[in-house]
Protein backbone atom coordinates (compact mmCIF):
# COMPACT_ATOMS: atom_id res chain seq x y z
CA MET A 1 0.00 0.00 0.00
CA LYS A 2 1.39 3.38 -1.02
CA LEU A 3 0.78 5.96 1.71
CA VAL A 4 1.67 9.60 2.00
CA ILE A 5 1.02 11.55 5.21
CA LEU A 6 0.41 15.28 5.08
CA ASP A 7 0.19 17.95 7.72
CA ARG A 8 -2.82 20.18 7.05
CA ASP A 9 -2.26 23.81 8.07
CA GLY A 10 0.64 25.30 6.12
CA VAL A 11 0.82 22.36 3.71
CA ILE A 12 -2.68 21.98 2.24
CA ASN A 13 -4.16 25.28 3.40
CA TYR A 14 -2.87 28.65 4.51
CA ASP A 15 -1.96 28.81 8.20
CA SER A 16 -2.46 31.62 10.69
CA ALA A 17 -0.76 32.56 13.96
CA GLU A 18 -4.33 33.03 15.30
CA TYR A 19 -5.28 29.48 14.20
CA ILE A 20 -7.70 28.50 11.48
CA LYS A 21 -11.00 28.50 13.38
CA THR A 22 -13.81 28.56 10.80
CA PRO A 23 -14.54 27.18 7.35
CA GLU A 24 -14.42 30.76 6.04
CA GLU A 25 -10.81 31.07 7.26
CA TRP A 26 -9.81 27.77 5.61
CA ARG A 27 -8.25 28.54 2.20
CA ALA A 28 -6.33 26.04 0.10
CA ILE A 29 -2.78 26.91 -0.91
CA PRO A 30 -2.77 27.17 -4.73
CA GLY A 31 -1.95 23.79 -6.27
CA SER A 32 -2.28 21.79 -3.05
CA LEU A 33 -5.61 20.14 -3.81
CA GLU A 34 -4.49 19.34 -7.35
CA ALA A 35 -1.33 17.80 -5.84
CA ILE A 36 -3.42 15.51 -3.64
CA ALA A 37 -5.49 14.45 -6.68
CA GLU A 38 -2.22 13.76 -8.54
CA LEU A 39 -1.00 11.60 -5.64
CA ASN A 40 -4.30 9.69 -5.67
CA GLN A 41 -4.04 9.11 -9.41
CA ALA A 42 -0.54 7.70 -8.87
CA GLY A 43 -1.98 5.15 -6.43
CA TYR A 44 -1.24 6.89 -3.13
CA HIS A 45 -3.56 6.76 -0.16
CA VAL A 46 -3.37 10.29 1.26
CA LEU A 47 -3.68 10.74 5.00
CA VAL A 48 -3.66 13.89 7.11
CA ALA A 49 -1.93 14.04 10.51
CA SER A 50 -2.44 17.42 12.13
CA ASN A 51 -1.92 19.04 15.53
CA GLN A 52 -5.08 21.00 16.30
CA SER A 53 -4.39 22.56 19.69
CA GLY A 54 -7.00 25.24 18.96
CA ILE A 55 -9.58 22.62 19.95
CA GLY A 56 -7.93 22.02 23.32
CA ARG A 57 -7.53 25.77 23.84
CA GLY A 58 -11.24 26.35 23.17
CA LEU A 59 -10.61 28.45 20.04
CA LEU A 60 -12.73 26.12 17.91
CA ASP A 61 -15.01 23.19 18.54
CA MET A 62 -15.36 19.85 16.78
CA ALA A 63 -18.24 21.13 14.64
CA ALA A 64 -16.03 23.90 13.23
CA PHE A 65 -13.11 21.50 12.74
CA ASN A 66 -15.34 19.03 10.92
CA ALA A 67 -16.84 21.82 8.78
CA MET A 68 -13.34 22.92 7.70
CA ASN A 69 -12.44 19.36 6.79
CA ASP A 70 -15.73 18.94 4.90
CA LYS A 71 -14.93 22.09 2.91
CA MET A 72 -11.49 20.69 2.08
CA LEU A 73 -12.86 17.27 1.10
CA ARG A 74 -15.61 18.75 -1.10
CA ALA A 75 -13.13 20.99 -2.93
CA LEU A 76 -10.81 18.04 -3.38
CA ALA A 77 -13.60 15.80 -4.72
CA GLN A 78 -14.34 18.39 -7.41
CA LEU A 79 -10.79 17.79 -8.65
CA GLY A 80 -11.07 14.01 -8.53
CA GLY A 81 -9.05 13.68 -5.34
CA ARG A 82 -9.63 12.30 -1.88
CA ILE A 83 -8.12 12.06 1.57
CA ASP A 84 -8.47 8.57 2.98
CA ALA A 85 -8.33 9.53 6.66
CA ILE A 86 -7.77 12.56 8.87
CA PHE A 87 -5.90 12.03 12.14
CA PHE A 88 -5.53 14.90 14.58
CA CYS A 89 -4.35 15.75 18.06
CA PRO A 90 -6.83 18.08 19.80
CA HIS A 91 -4.61 18.66 22.85
CA ALA A 92 -2.83 21.83 23.88
CA ALA A 93 0.96 21.44 24.14
CA GLU A 94 0.95 21.62 27.94
CA VAL A 95 -1.17 18.45 28.19
CA GLY A 96 1.86 16.34 27.31
CA CYS A 97 -0.06 13.73 25.31
CA ALA A 98 1.65 11.10 23.14
CA CYS A 99 -0.22 12.09 19.97
CA ARG A 100 0.96 15.68 19.57
CA LYS A 101 3.77 15.99 17.05
CA PRO A 102 6.80 15.90 17.47
CA LYS A 103 5.87 12.82 19.53
CA PRO A 104 5.15 9.85 17.27
CA GLY A 105 1.78 8.73 18.70
CA MET A 106 -0.38 9.96 15.85
CA LEU A 107 1.88 8.36 13.23
CA VAL A 108 2.10 5.12 15.22
CA GLU A 109 -1.72 5.06 15.25
CA ILE A 110 -1.74 5.49 11.46
CA GLY A 111 0.59 2.50 11.14
CA HIS A 112 -1.71 0.40 13.34
CA ARG A 113 -4.92 1.46 11.59
CA PHE A 114 -3.49 0.80 8.14
CA ASN A 115 -1.62 -2.30 9.29
CA THR A 116 1.63 -1.14 7.75
CA ALA A 117 5.13 -0.15 8.76
CA LEU A 118 5.86 3.52 8.19
CA ALA A 119 9.48 3.00 7.16
CA GLY A 120 10.06 5.14 4.08
CA VAL A 121 6.50 6.53 3.98
CA PRO A 122 6.66 10.17 2.80
CA CYS A 123 5.51 12.63 5.47
CA VAL A 124 5.07 16.20 4.27
CA GLY A 125 5.06 19.05 6.76
CA ASP A 126 6.00 22.68 7.21
CA SER A 127 7.29 22.57 10.79
CA LEU A 128 10.19 20.93 12.54
CA ARG A 129 7.81 18.93 14.74
CA ASP A 130 6.22 17.35 11.62
CA LEU A 131 9.65 16.27 10.40
CA GLN A 132 10.78 15.02 13.82
CA ALA A 133 7.68 12.87 14.19
CA ALA A 134 8.25 11.38 10.73
CA HIS A 135 11.92 10.71 11.43
CA SER A 136 11.12 9.04 14.77
CA VAL A 137 9.01 6.34 13.08
CA GLY A 138 11.38 5.80 10.15
CA ALA A 139 9.19 7.67 7.68
CA ARG A 140 10.70 9.97 5.03
CA PRO A 141 10.47 13.61 6.18
CA MET A 142 9.65 16.13 3.46
CA LEU A 143 9.57 19.87 4.18
CA VAL A 144 7.51 22.32 2.16
CA THR A 145 8.45 25.98 2.46
CA THR A 146 4.83 27.13 2.53
CA GLY A 147 3.29 27.91 5.93
CA LYS A 148 6.04 27.86 8.55
CA GLY A 149 8.39 26.06 6.16
CA GLU A 150 10.74 28.97 5.39
CA ALA A 151 11.27 29.57 9.13
CA THR A 152 11.74 25.84 9.70
CA LEU A 153 14.37 25.67 6.97
CA ALA A 154 16.17 28.71 8.42
CA GLN A 155 16.54 26.92 11.78
CA ASN A 156 18.97 24.55 10.04
CA GLU A 157 17.90 21.62 12.28
CA LEU A 158 16.23 19.30 9.76
CA PRO A 159 16.35 15.57 10.48
CA PRO A 160 18.82 13.63 8.31
CA GLY A 161 17.54 12.88 4.82
CA THR A 162 14.82 15.55 4.83
CA LEU A 163 13.86 16.59 1.32
CA VAL A 164 12.83 20.23 0.76
CA PHE A 165 10.24 21.47 -1.74
CA PRO A 166 8.67 24.87 -2.38
CA ASP A 167 5.14 23.50 -1.95
CA LEU A 168 2.98 20.37 -1.93
CA ALA A 169 2.66 20.44 -5.72
CA ALA A 170 6.44 20.11 -6.10
CA ALA A 171 6.58 17.35 -3.49
CA ALA A 172 3.81 15.46 -5.31
CA ARG A 173 5.63 15.79 -8.64
CA HIS A 174 8.73 14.31 -7.00
CA LEU A 175 6.75 11.38 -5.57
CA THR A 176 4.92 10.64 -8.81
CA ALA A 177 7.89 11.02 -11.17
């Protein structure tokens, strides 16, 4: 089974320092939805693994989170694409849960649910914590410089073997070449 794991905010859609809290605030990064459709057409099962501490902080509720994801999935379906599953951590950082990236819990759960080892599975993110989580489970970290990606790259602390792309469209072209 060909899997690819994507962070959401900053990779698929624009991010905000104030959090994305409503469907109206959710806006796809140009080319990202087309990139997901391209990955699907190449036989990839696309999964999302996203920290959503705004839920734990009370900035948005599950209804708003689900409405944002519905908006994303509907827009994607219009392009012939799909996301096979959305995994998320609703906890604020201070909770200390095992599922919040950079901890590997969310990715370990993906491996269990899809009954597959994550060794070599591409994981695309825009933050160091996305890449660290991927590296910790043997997945292949891929940084996009959208969202927080430029700042992440400037930290010069990428896990070994991290590939860097300007956006999800470029990462998808690399994976489907």
